[in-house]
Protein backbone atom coordinates (compact mmCIF):
# COMPACT_ATOMS: atom_id res chain seq x y z
CA UNK A 1 9.64 -30.66 -96.93
CA UNK A 2 6.09 -31.90 -97.98
CA UNK A 3 5.40 -30.91 -101.38
CA UNK A 4 2.24 -28.97 -100.53
CA UNK A 5 4.20 -26.64 -98.34
CA UNK A 6 6.17 -25.13 -101.34
CA UNK A 7 5.87 -21.37 -101.67
CA UNK A 8 4.50 -21.04 -98.17
CA UNK A 9 5.89 -18.86 -95.54
CA UNK A 10 7.00 -20.02 -92.00
CA UNK A 11 3.93 -17.84 -90.72
CA UNK A 12 1.52 -19.77 -92.87
CA UNK A 13 3.14 -23.06 -91.74
CA UNK A 14 2.82 -22.39 -87.98
CA UNK A 15 -0.77 -20.96 -88.49
CA UNK A 16 -2.09 -24.09 -90.56
CA UNK A 17 -0.44 -26.50 -87.63
CA UNK A 18 -3.12 -26.92 -85.53
CA UNK A 19 -4.47 -23.28 -85.47
CA UNK A 20 -1.22 -22.03 -84.10
CA UNK A 21 -1.01 -24.58 -81.16
CA UNK A 22 2.03 -26.13 -82.80
CA UNK A 23 3.77 -22.94 -82.82
CA UNK A 24 3.28 -22.74 -79.03
CA UNK A 25 4.92 -26.02 -78.26
CA UNK A 26 7.61 -25.04 -80.71
CA UNK A 27 8.57 -21.76 -79.12
CA UNK A 28 9.54 -23.75 -76.16
CA UNK A 29 11.38 -26.47 -77.96
CA UNK A 30 13.53 -24.34 -80.18
CA UNK A 31 14.98 -22.19 -77.29
CA UNK A 32 16.54 -18.84 -77.24
CA UNK A 33 19.61 -19.49 -79.27
CA UNK A 34 17.57 -20.73 -82.18
CA UNK A 35 15.33 -17.63 -82.21
CA UNK A 36 18.26 -15.30 -81.82
CA UNK A 37 19.23 -16.10 -85.16
CA UNK A 38 15.88 -15.58 -86.70
CA UNK A 39 14.59 -12.63 -84.81
CA UNK A 40 16.02 -9.19 -85.66
CA UNK A 41 14.74 -5.72 -85.62
CA UNK A 42 13.14 -4.02 -88.60
CA UNK A 43 16.50 -3.06 -89.97
CA UNK A 44 17.17 -6.84 -90.56
CA UNK A 45 20.48 -6.60 -88.59
CA UNK A 46 19.91 -5.61 -85.08
CA UNK A 47 19.27 -8.41 -82.54
CA UNK A 48 15.74 -8.56 -81.24
CA UNK A 49 15.51 -7.67 -77.37
CA UNK A 50 12.61 -8.94 -75.25
CA UNK A 51 10.73 -5.76 -74.39
CA UNK A 52 9.97 -7.31 -70.99
CA UNK A 53 13.52 -7.83 -70.27
CA UNK A 54 14.71 -6.61 -66.68
CA UNK A 55 15.77 -2.79 -66.92
CA UNK A 56 17.56 -0.83 -64.31
CA UNK A 57 15.48 1.49 -62.13
CA UNK A 58 16.39 5.18 -62.23
CA UNK A 59 17.11 5.05 -58.37
CA UNK A 60 17.01 2.33 -55.78
CA UNK A 61 13.64 0.85 -55.50
CA UNK A 62 11.69 0.66 -52.11
CA UNK A 63 9.22 -1.63 -53.76
CA UNK A 64 9.44 -4.53 -56.20
CA UNK A 65 5.79 -5.01 -57.01
CA UNK A 66 2.63 -3.09 -56.79
CA UNK A 67 -0.85 -4.46 -55.97
CA UNK A 68 -3.70 -1.94 -56.72
CA UNK A 69 -6.99 -2.81 -54.88
CA UNK A 70 -9.43 -1.19 -57.23
CA UNK A 71 -12.87 -0.40 -55.58
CA UNK A 72 -14.88 0.28 -58.80
CA UNK A 73 -17.72 2.60 -58.54
CA UNK A 74 -16.46 4.86 -55.98
CA UNK A 75 -16.55 3.98 -52.39
CA UNK A 76 -17.74 6.66 -50.01
CA UNK A 77 -14.95 8.30 -47.87
CA UNK A 78 -17.45 9.81 -45.38
CA UNK A 79 -18.78 6.15 -44.45
CA UNK A 80 -15.40 4.46 -44.32
CA UNK A 81 -11.99 6.07 -43.48
CA UNK A 82 -12.84 10.13 -43.51
CA UNK A 83 -14.45 10.60 -39.87
CA UNK A 84 -16.97 13.55 -39.94
CA UNK A 85 -18.54 13.89 -36.68
CA UNK A 86 -20.08 17.00 -37.36
CA UNK A 87 -22.52 15.09 -39.79
CA UNK A 88 -23.81 13.34 -36.67
CA UNK A 89 -27.47 14.49 -35.75
CA UNK A 90 -28.07 16.10 -38.99
CA UNK A 91 -29.70 13.31 -41.13
CA UNK A 92 -32.05 15.01 -43.72
CA UNK A 93 -31.02 18.48 -43.01
CA UNK A 94 -30.63 20.71 -46.14
CA UNK A 95 -27.58 22.75 -46.52
CA UNK A 96 -25.78 24.85 -48.93
CA UNK A 97 -23.02 23.03 -50.51
CA UNK A 98 -21.48 22.73 -53.99
CA UNK A 99 -21.53 19.46 -55.63
CA UNK A 100 -20.75 17.98 -59.05
CA UNK A 101 -21.57 14.39 -59.90
CA UNK A 102 -23.82 12.39 -62.41
CA UNK A 103 -26.62 14.73 -61.59
CA UNK A 104 -24.86 17.78 -62.48
CA UNK A 105 -23.89 21.14 -60.48
CA UNK A 106 -25.79 21.85 -57.45
CA UNK A 107 -25.66 24.38 -54.84
CA UNK A 108 -27.66 22.59 -52.07
CA UNK A 109 -28.18 18.93 -50.88
CA UNK A 110 -29.86 16.85 -47.95
CA UNK A 111 -27.44 15.46 -45.62
CA UNK A 112 -27.21 11.66 -45.30
CA UNK A 113 -25.65 10.96 -41.91
CA UNK A 114 -23.13 7.99 -42.14
CA UNK A 115 -25.07 4.72 -40.84
CA UNK A 116 -21.81 3.28 -39.35
CA UNK A 117 -20.23 4.03 -36.27
CA UNK A 118 -16.58 5.17 -36.12
CA UNK A 119 -13.84 3.90 -33.59
CA UNK A 120 -10.31 4.65 -32.97
CA UNK A 121 -7.80 1.88 -33.79
CA UNK A 122 -3.98 1.19 -33.68
CA UNK A 123 -1.37 3.19 -32.03
CA UNK A 124 -2.05 6.04 -34.40
CA UNK A 125 -5.59 6.33 -33.26
CA UNK A 126 -7.05 6.21 -36.68
CA UNK A 127 -10.78 6.36 -37.02
CA UNK A 128 -12.34 3.81 -39.13
CA UNK A 129 -15.97 2.83 -39.44
CA UNK A 130 -17.71 -0.47 -38.70
CA UNK A 131 -17.63 -1.41 -42.27
CA UNK A 132 -13.83 -2.57 -42.03
CA UNK A 133 -13.58 -4.19 -38.71
CA UNK A 134 -10.54 -6.59 -39.83
CA UNK A 135 -8.93 -3.95 -41.98
CA UNK A 136 -9.31 -1.39 -39.03
CA UNK A 137 -6.67 -3.48 -37.14
CA UNK A 138 -3.97 -2.98 -39.86
CA UNK A 139 -4.01 1.18 -39.68
CA UNK A 140 -0.38 1.39 -38.37
CA UNK A 141 0.64 -0.30 -41.64
CA UNK A 142 -1.45 2.12 -43.61
CA UNK A 143 -1.05 5.87 -44.93
CA UNK A 144 -4.45 7.33 -45.64
CA UNK A 145 -4.87 10.22 -48.26
CA UNK A 146 -8.02 12.19 -47.34
CA UNK A 147 -7.56 15.04 -49.95
CA UNK A 148 -7.47 13.15 -53.47
CA UNK A 149 -9.04 14.96 -56.55
CA UNK A 150 -9.77 13.97 -59.87
CA UNK A 151 -10.89 15.81 -63.21
CA UNK A 152 -14.01 14.07 -63.91
CA UNK A 153 -17.11 12.85 -61.85
CA UNK A 154 -17.99 10.26 -64.58
CA UNK A 155 -17.18 6.71 -64.16
CA UNK A 156 -15.76 5.97 -67.64
CA UNK A 157 -13.25 8.99 -67.90
CA UNK A 158 -12.69 9.01 -64.19
CA UNK A 159 -11.42 5.24 -64.46
CA UNK A 160 -9.17 6.16 -67.41
CA UNK A 161 -7.52 8.87 -65.47
CA UNK A 162 -7.11 6.64 -62.27
CA UNK A 163 -5.44 3.86 -64.46
CA UNK A 164 -3.70 6.03 -67.41
CA UNK A 165 -3.67 9.44 -66.21
CA UNK A 166 -5.72 10.81 -68.80
CA UNK A 167 -9.49 11.14 -69.14
CA UNK A 168 -9.46 10.13 -72.84
CA UNK A 169 -8.80 6.56 -74.16
CA UNK A 170 -5.60 5.46 -75.91
CA UNK A 171 -2.88 5.98 -73.29
CA UNK A 172 -0.99 3.27 -71.57
CA UNK A 173 -2.07 2.56 -68.07
CA UNK A 174 0.08 2.43 -65.01
CA UNK A 175 0.81 -1.38 -65.04
CA UNK A 176 1.93 -0.85 -68.79
CA UNK A 177 4.30 2.01 -67.78
CA UNK A 178 5.82 -0.13 -65.06
CA UNK A 179 6.32 -3.19 -67.35
CA UNK A 180 7.97 -0.71 -69.88
CA UNK A 181 10.06 0.97 -67.34
CA UNK A 182 11.23 -2.03 -65.38
CA UNK A 183 10.69 -5.00 -67.33
CA UNK A 184 9.75 -8.19 -65.45
CA UNK A 185 11.88 -10.58 -63.66
CA UNK A 186 9.90 -13.65 -64.37
CA UNK A 187 9.90 -14.58 -68.14
CA UNK A 188 7.52 -17.52 -67.47
CA UNK A 189 4.56 -15.20 -66.17
CA UNK A 190 3.04 -11.97 -67.30
CA UNK A 191 4.67 -8.73 -65.77
CA UNK A 192 1.12 -7.31 -65.59
CA UNK A 193 -2.11 -9.04 -64.22
CA UNK A 194 -5.75 -7.82 -63.90
CA UNK A 195 -8.32 -9.71 -61.93
CA UNK A 196 -11.87 -8.88 -62.61
CA UNK A 197 -15.07 -9.30 -60.44
CA UNK A 198 -17.28 -12.22 -61.71
CA UNK A 199 -20.29 -9.83 -61.99
CA UNK A 200 -18.50 -8.34 -65.02
CA UNK A 201 -15.76 -5.93 -66.24
CA UNK A 202 -15.99 -2.03 -65.20
CA UNK A 203 -17.03 0.63 -67.68
CA UNK A 204 -14.62 1.58 -70.35
CA UNK A 205 -13.56 -2.37 -70.38
CA UNK A 206 -10.01 -3.23 -71.48
CA UNK A 207 -9.12 0.43 -72.00
CA UNK A 208 -8.27 0.32 -68.23
CA UNK A 209 -5.60 -2.30 -68.63
CA UNK A 210 -4.40 -1.25 -72.21
CA UNK A 211 -0.89 -0.64 -73.35
CA UNK A 212 -2.50 2.27 -75.36
CA UNK A 213 0.21 3.49 -77.88
CA UNK A 214 2.99 1.35 -76.61
CA UNK A 215 3.48 -2.26 -77.89
CA UNK A 216 0.71 -4.91 -76.90
CA UNK A 217 3.72 -6.70 -74.98
CA UNK A 218 2.98 -4.27 -72.24
CA UNK A 219 -0.68 -4.66 -71.59
CA UNK A 220 -2.13 -6.87 -69.10
CA UNK A 221 -3.17 -10.44 -69.04
CA UNK A 222 -6.56 -11.01 -67.72
CA UNK A 223 -7.12 -13.84 -64.94
CA UNK A 224 -10.44 -14.92 -64.08
CA UNK A 225 -11.82 -14.84 -60.59
CA UNK A 226 -13.83 -18.24 -61.01
CA UNK A 227 -12.55 -21.63 -62.61
CA UNK A 228 -9.39 -21.73 -64.19
CA UNK A 229 -7.69 -18.17 -63.92
CA UNK A 230 -6.00 -18.19 -67.36
CA UNK A 231 -7.88 -19.87 -70.21
CA UNK A 232 -6.40 -22.49 -72.54
CA UNK A 233 -3.25 -23.09 -69.81
CA UNK A 234 -3.55 -26.82 -70.62
CA UNK A 235 -1.63 -27.75 -74.10
CA UNK A 236 -3.74 -29.53 -76.61
CA UNK A 237 -3.84 -33.28 -76.10
CA UNK A 238 -3.57 -34.05 -79.63
CA UNK A 239 -0.07 -32.28 -79.73
CA UNK A 240 2.03 -35.19 -78.19
CA UNK A 241 5.96 -35.25 -77.93
CA UNK A 242 6.35 -37.18 -81.17
CA UNK A 243 4.47 -34.43 -83.06
CA UNK A 244 6.33 -31.71 -81.58
CA UNK A 245 9.58 -33.31 -82.32
CA UNK A 246 8.40 -34.10 -86.12
CA UNK A 247 7.31 -30.25 -86.22
CA UNK A 248 10.46 -29.09 -84.94
CA UNK A 249 12.50 -31.11 -87.26
CA UNK A 250 10.73 -29.83 -90.35
CA UNK A 251 10.91 -26.47 -89.53
CA UNK A 252 14.63 -26.52 -88.78
CA UNK A 253 14.93 -28.21 -92.36
CA UNK A 254 13.03 -25.44 -93.87
CA UNK A 255 15.04 -22.76 -92.43
CA UNK A 256 18.42 -24.46 -93.26
CA UNK A 257 17.04 -24.61 -96.88
CA UNK A 258 15.70 -21.03 -96.98
CA UNK A 259 18.40 -18.75 -95.38
CA UNK A 260 16.49 -15.42 -96.11
CA UNK A 261 16.20 -12.42 -94.01
CA UNK A 262 12.56 -11.17 -94.02
CA UNK A 263 11.83 -7.41 -94.15
CA UNK A 264 8.96 -8.22 -91.58
CA UNK A 265 11.20 -10.01 -89.01
CA UNK A 266 10.52 -7.42 -86.29
CA UNK A 267 6.95 -8.60 -86.50
CA UNK A 268 7.95 -12.09 -86.56
CA UNK A 269 10.23 -11.70 -83.55
CA UNK A 270 7.26 -10.24 -81.60
CA UNK A 271 4.95 -13.09 -82.62
CA UNK A 272 7.62 -15.65 -81.47
CA UNK A 273 7.93 -13.82 -78.22
CA UNK A 274 4.25 -14.33 -77.58
CA UNK A 275 4.29 -18.03 -78.55
CA UNK A 276 7.23 -18.52 -76.20
CA UNK A 277 5.50 -16.75 -73.27
CA UNK A 278 2.35 -18.97 -74.00
CA UNK A 279 4.39 -21.90 -73.81
CA UNK A 280 6.09 -20.98 -70.75
CA UNK A 281 2.95 -20.04 -69.14
CA UNK A 282 1.43 -23.48 -69.98
CA UNK A 283 4.44 -24.84 -68.05
CA UNK A 284 4.50 -22.53 -64.97
CA UNK A 285 1.30 -20.69 -64.61
CA UNK A 286 -0.66 -23.76 -63.37
CA UNK A 287 1.52 -24.12 -60.20
CA UNK A 288 1.33 -20.16 -59.57
CA UNK A 289 -2.51 -20.15 -59.38
CA UNK A 290 -2.74 -23.46 -57.51
CA UNK A 291 -4.08 -22.49 -54.11
CA UNK A 292 -4.47 -25.97 -52.90
CA UNK A 293 -0.67 -25.66 -51.94
CA UNK A 294 -1.66 -22.97 -49.36
CA UNK A 295 -2.11 -24.12 -45.66
CA UNK A 296 -5.49 -24.25 -44.30
CA UNK A 297 -4.67 -21.31 -41.76
CA UNK A 298 -3.62 -19.27 -44.73
CA UNK A 299 -6.69 -19.75 -46.67
CA UNK A 300 -8.82 -18.82 -43.55
CA UNK A 301 -6.63 -15.68 -43.15
CA UNK A 302 -7.70 -14.56 -46.23
CA UNK A 303 -11.41 -15.70 -46.04
CA UNK A 304 -11.69 -18.50 -48.41
CA UNK A 305 -13.81 -20.39 -46.06
CA UNK A 306 -16.33 -17.67 -45.87
CA UNK A 307 -18.93 -17.67 -48.97
CA UNK A 308 -19.57 -13.88 -48.36
CA UNK A 309 -15.80 -12.90 -49.31
CA UNK A 310 -14.14 -16.11 -50.89
CA UNK A 311 -13.90 -14.52 -54.32
CA UNK A 312 -11.95 -11.52 -53.51
CA UNK A 313 -9.92 -13.57 -50.82
CA UNK A 314 -8.99 -15.91 -53.93
CA UNK A 315 -7.97 -13.07 -55.82
CA UNK A 316 -6.02 -11.68 -53.08
CA UNK A 317 -4.22 -14.74 -52.39
CA UNK A 318 -3.49 -15.16 -56.17
CA UNK A 319 -1.96 -11.69 -55.92
CA UNK A 320 0.63 -12.63 -53.04
CA UNK A 321 1.55 -15.78 -55.07
CA UNK A 322 2.31 -13.82 -58.22
CA UNK A 323 4.03 -11.27 -56.39
CA UNK A 324 6.58 -14.12 -54.97
CA UNK A 325 7.13 -15.23 -58.63
CA UNK A 326 8.10 -11.78 -59.72
CA UNK A 327 4.82 -10.49 -61.27
CA UNK A 328 5.48 -6.50 -61.32
CA UNK A 329 1.85 -4.99 -61.37
CA UNK A 330 -1.47 -6.73 -60.30
CA UNK A 331 -4.60 -5.15 -60.30
CA UNK A 332 -7.88 -6.68 -58.34
CA UNK A 333 -11.20 -5.11 -59.14
CA UNK A 334 -13.86 -5.27 -56.44
CA UNK A 335 -17.26 -4.82 -58.04
CA UNK A 336 -18.15 -5.26 -61.59
CA UNK A 337 -20.96 -4.29 -64.32
CA UNK A 338 -23.24 -1.52 -63.01
CA UNK A 339 -25.21 -0.08 -60.18
CA UNK A 340 -25.00 -2.04 -56.91
CA UNK A 341 -22.88 -4.70 -58.58
CA UNK A 342 -20.26 -2.28 -57.67
CA UNK A 343 -19.45 0.47 -55.16
CA UNK A 344 -21.87 3.13 -57.09
CA UNK A 345 -24.18 3.51 -54.39
CA UNK A 346 -26.81 6.03 -55.76
CA UNK A 347 -29.77 4.61 -53.85
CA UNK A 348 -29.19 2.69 -50.63
CA UNK A 349 -25.79 3.22 -49.00
CA UNK A 350 -26.14 0.66 -46.28
CA UNK A 351 -27.23 -2.21 -48.66
CA UNK A 352 -24.50 -1.15 -51.28
CA UNK A 353 -21.57 -0.82 -48.92
CA UNK A 354 -22.47 -3.51 -46.37
CA UNK A 355 -22.14 -5.85 -49.41
CA UNK A 356 -18.87 -4.91 -50.92
CA UNK A 357 -16.99 -4.06 -47.64
CA UNK A 358 -18.05 -7.26 -46.67
CA UNK A 359 -16.74 -8.86 -49.57
CA UNK A 360 -13.32 -7.13 -49.26
CA UNK A 361 -12.52 -6.36 -45.76
CA UNK A 362 -11.04 -9.84 -44.42
CA UNK A 363 -9.17 -10.59 -47.67
CA UNK A 364 -7.47 -7.10 -47.70
CA UNK A 365 -6.61 -7.52 -44.10
CA UNK A 366 -5.34 -11.12 -44.68
CA UNK A 367 -3.23 -9.98 -47.57
CA UNK A 368 -1.50 -7.20 -45.40
CA UNK A 369 -0.79 -9.70 -42.73
CA UNK A 370 0.40 -12.40 -44.86
CA UNK A 371 2.60 -10.20 -46.82
CA UNK A 372 4.09 -9.10 -43.52
CA UNK A 373 4.76 -12.43 -42.15
CA UNK A 374 6.42 -13.39 -45.26
CA UNK A 375 8.59 -10.38 -45.15
CA UNK A 376 6.98 -9.31 -48.60
CA UNK A 377 5.14 -6.09 -47.66
CA UNK A 378 8.28 -3.91 -47.03
CA UNK A 379 8.98 -4.39 -50.84
CA UNK A 380 5.37 -4.85 -52.08
CA UNK A 381 3.26 -1.36 -52.60
CA UNK A 382 -0.46 -1.73 -51.99
CA UNK A 383 -2.94 0.88 -53.18
CA UNK A 384 -6.65 0.90 -52.33
CA UNK A 385 -9.24 3.21 -53.73
CA UNK A 386 -11.76 3.83 -56.52
CA UNK A 387 -12.14 6.41 -59.25
CA UNK A 388 -13.66 9.06 -56.99
CA UNK A 389 -15.60 9.23 -53.84
CA UNK A 390 -19.02 10.11 -52.89
CA UNK A 391 -20.90 13.18 -51.78
CA UNK A 392 -22.13 13.92 -48.21
CA UNK A 393 -25.57 14.64 -49.34
CA UNK A 394 -28.18 12.58 -50.93
CA UNK A 395 -28.74 12.49 -54.73
CA UNK A 396 -32.38 11.94 -54.57
CA UNK A 397 -35.36 13.41 -52.54
CA UNK A 398 -35.75 10.01 -51.02
CA UNK A 399 -33.19 7.38 -49.85
CA UNK A 400 -29.59 7.29 -48.61
CA UNK A 401 -27.78 6.98 -51.99
CA UNK A 402 -24.79 9.39 -52.67
CA UNK A 403 -23.74 10.88 -56.20
CA UNK A 404 -20.23 10.97 -57.34
CA UNK A 405 -17.62 13.17 -55.74
CA UNK A 406 -14.20 13.88 -57.48
CA UNK A 407 -13.73 17.13 -55.48
CA UNK A 408 -12.32 15.31 -52.58
CA UNK A 409 -12.04 11.48 -51.71
CA UNK A 410 -9.96 8.98 -49.80
CA UNK A 411 -7.41 6.43 -51.11
CA UNK A 412 -4.85 4.64 -49.05
CA UNK A 413 -1.30 3.31 -49.57
CA UNK A 414 0.77 0.59 -47.63
CA UNK A 415 4.15 -1.53 -47.93
CA UNK A 416 7.08 -0.59 -49.65
CA UNK A 417 8.54 2.73 -48.94
CA UNK A 418 5.21 4.01 -47.24
CA UNK A 419 4.98 5.38 -43.84
CA UNK A 420 2.35 3.49 -41.72
CA UNK A 421 -0.12 4.86 -39.28
CA UNK A 422 -0.51 8.49 -40.99
CA UNK A 423 -3.18 10.35 -42.25
CA UNK A 424 -2.33 13.41 -44.92
CA UNK A 425 -4.72 16.00 -46.23
CA UNK A 426 -8.15 16.75 -45.47
CA UNK A 427 -11.58 17.64 -46.72
CA UNK A 428 -14.15 20.15 -45.28
CA UNK A 429 -16.34 19.41 -42.31
CA UNK A 430 -18.79 17.42 -44.43
CA UNK A 431 -16.23 15.64 -47.01
CA UNK A 432 -17.65 17.64 -49.96
CA UNK A 433 -14.11 18.90 -51.09
CA UNK A 434 -10.50 18.69 -50.33
CA UNK A 435 -9.16 21.75 -48.38
CA UNK A 436 -5.84 20.99 -47.20
CA UNK A 437 -2.98 19.37 -49.03
CA UNK A 438 -5.07 18.92 -52.14
CA UNK A 439 -3.35 15.85 -53.90
CA UNK A 440 -4.17 14.96 -57.74
CA UNK A 441 -4.48 11.50 -59.21
CA UNK A 442 -1.25 12.18 -60.98
CA UNK A 443 0.68 12.62 -57.62
CA UNK A 444 -0.63 9.20 -56.70
CA UNK A 445 0.85 7.99 -60.15
CA UNK A 446 4.20 9.64 -59.26
CA UNK A 447 4.39 8.27 -55.95
CA UNK A 448 3.92 4.77 -57.09
CA UNK A 449 6.62 5.33 -59.98
CA UNK A 450 9.03 6.65 -57.30
CA UNK A 451 8.53 3.89 -54.86
CA UNK A 452 9.13 1.36 -57.61
CA UNK A 453 12.49 3.05 -58.48
CA UNK A 454 11.39 5.24 -61.42
CA UNK A 455 11.54 9.15 -61.85
CA UNK A 456 8.22 10.15 -62.75
CA UNK A 457 9.36 13.06 -64.80
CA UNK A 458 12.00 11.12 -66.52
CA UNK A 459 9.99 8.03 -67.48
CA UNK A 460 8.93 8.75 -71.21
CA UNK A 461 7.84 7.03 -74.23
CA UNK A 462 8.11 8.85 -77.46
CA UNK A 463 4.95 9.04 -79.53
CA UNK A 464 3.12 11.39 -81.51
CA UNK A 465 6.11 13.76 -81.83
CA UNK A 466 6.18 14.01 -77.83
CA UNK A 467 7.84 12.40 -74.94
CA UNK A 468 4.72 10.95 -73.50
CA UNK A 469 4.52 10.50 -69.70
CA UNK A 470 2.14 8.94 -67.40
CA UNK A 471 2.16 12.06 -65.13
CA UNK A 472 1.85 14.39 -68.27
CA UNK A 473 3.90 17.37 -69.41
CA UNK A 474 4.35 19.20 -66.17
CA UNK A 475 6.54 18.11 -63.55
CA UNK A 476 4.77 16.07 -60.60
CA UNK A 477 5.95 15.41 -57.26
CA UNK A 478 5.30 12.28 -55.12
CA UNK A 479 3.17 12.91 -51.98
CA UNK A 480 6.37 13.02 -49.92
CA UNK A 481 4.43 13.26 -46.53
CA UNK A 482 3.83 9.58 -46.87
CA UNK A 483 7.02 8.25 -48.04
CA UNK A 484 9.25 6.11 -45.49
């Protein structure tokens, strides 16, 4: 050992060797057998177990992976999938209607008639607006939930509820719960991936993909929508093979000389696991995110050749490639930052929704088609929606903008274990509130867990003296009308 190393810990050694990059390469070179001798739990005896190791589900799963297509800002249900013919011809008419959004509680409003025509599609005859000409062709594979409700009409808390089941921060999001409950079948890639809109991240930021009170190993890895999806994938050029081998020999010699079980070995084990995943991602992630391997026909199917939708198309195609490689939960964000950079159409519905629907329609339809062609749709659960919907009435005295609506809105699901060509629940004649089969966000979460093989009322994590659950303390049933 070098004389200047005396008295230093292995942690210091790894940290000072190329700012930790050496440890990344070392993790892959040493292998599991070596780490098994070093990594133990906090008692200093129990062998360390990878928290992301595959786990048995509670029951036979219908889906092996989930892709959540998150329309940040709140798409308008009455302008997309919730056809309200009674609004036709009533533009600018003032009516008595109770609403609650960013502008507070109101008892009347001015009707904004939908600016897009609705037509029937598929064998099920589902009405879809002209905003989604490509997705409309896939309605026989989709189950529409027209009576969703949430607890908050404010973006930050509503997004936390949609992602974590709670309006307050600090709880694990649904991707973390799936990673905790099921683990991941691919140890070379993250089990939970989030892809953000290049215009910016959503309100509440990383809280939307945080592992909360669970260990950080369950939180998401964020992939970029432009440039290299994962930063620092390429290993440092200055750390060549000879340097790696020298580092390996030095650390092995040190361990043979200092046979000591440290009290902080559980933390060491977690850090070693993170180094190891980083190294494996350097070796495997570049191939997973290389879209040049896809045929020209596949790229066109998603819309990569169309500048209007190429960004979201790239994300959808990446999602399919990650599903093929065993990634458990993938969330794609359409819309970023604030105002018209996302679906939050407070002033001009036509400008806003033409933009965001145009960016997502073809990529989502392409994703459904591609998964189906590859026999992956039957085992991949697709979820579409935002944190809430929008009101049938105008927010301001002039203009076509709509305020937030958490009283009733539309989401849809497709794929693994979901009936296609069905619509469940309904809102009133104007779409102001859910009136039939009112479903809460927690029931959507319960449906996802159930289709993935987990009992939503059994999956728990002990924290703060309680068995915490994604769906809360009361028992929650999945939305059985859409279960295949």
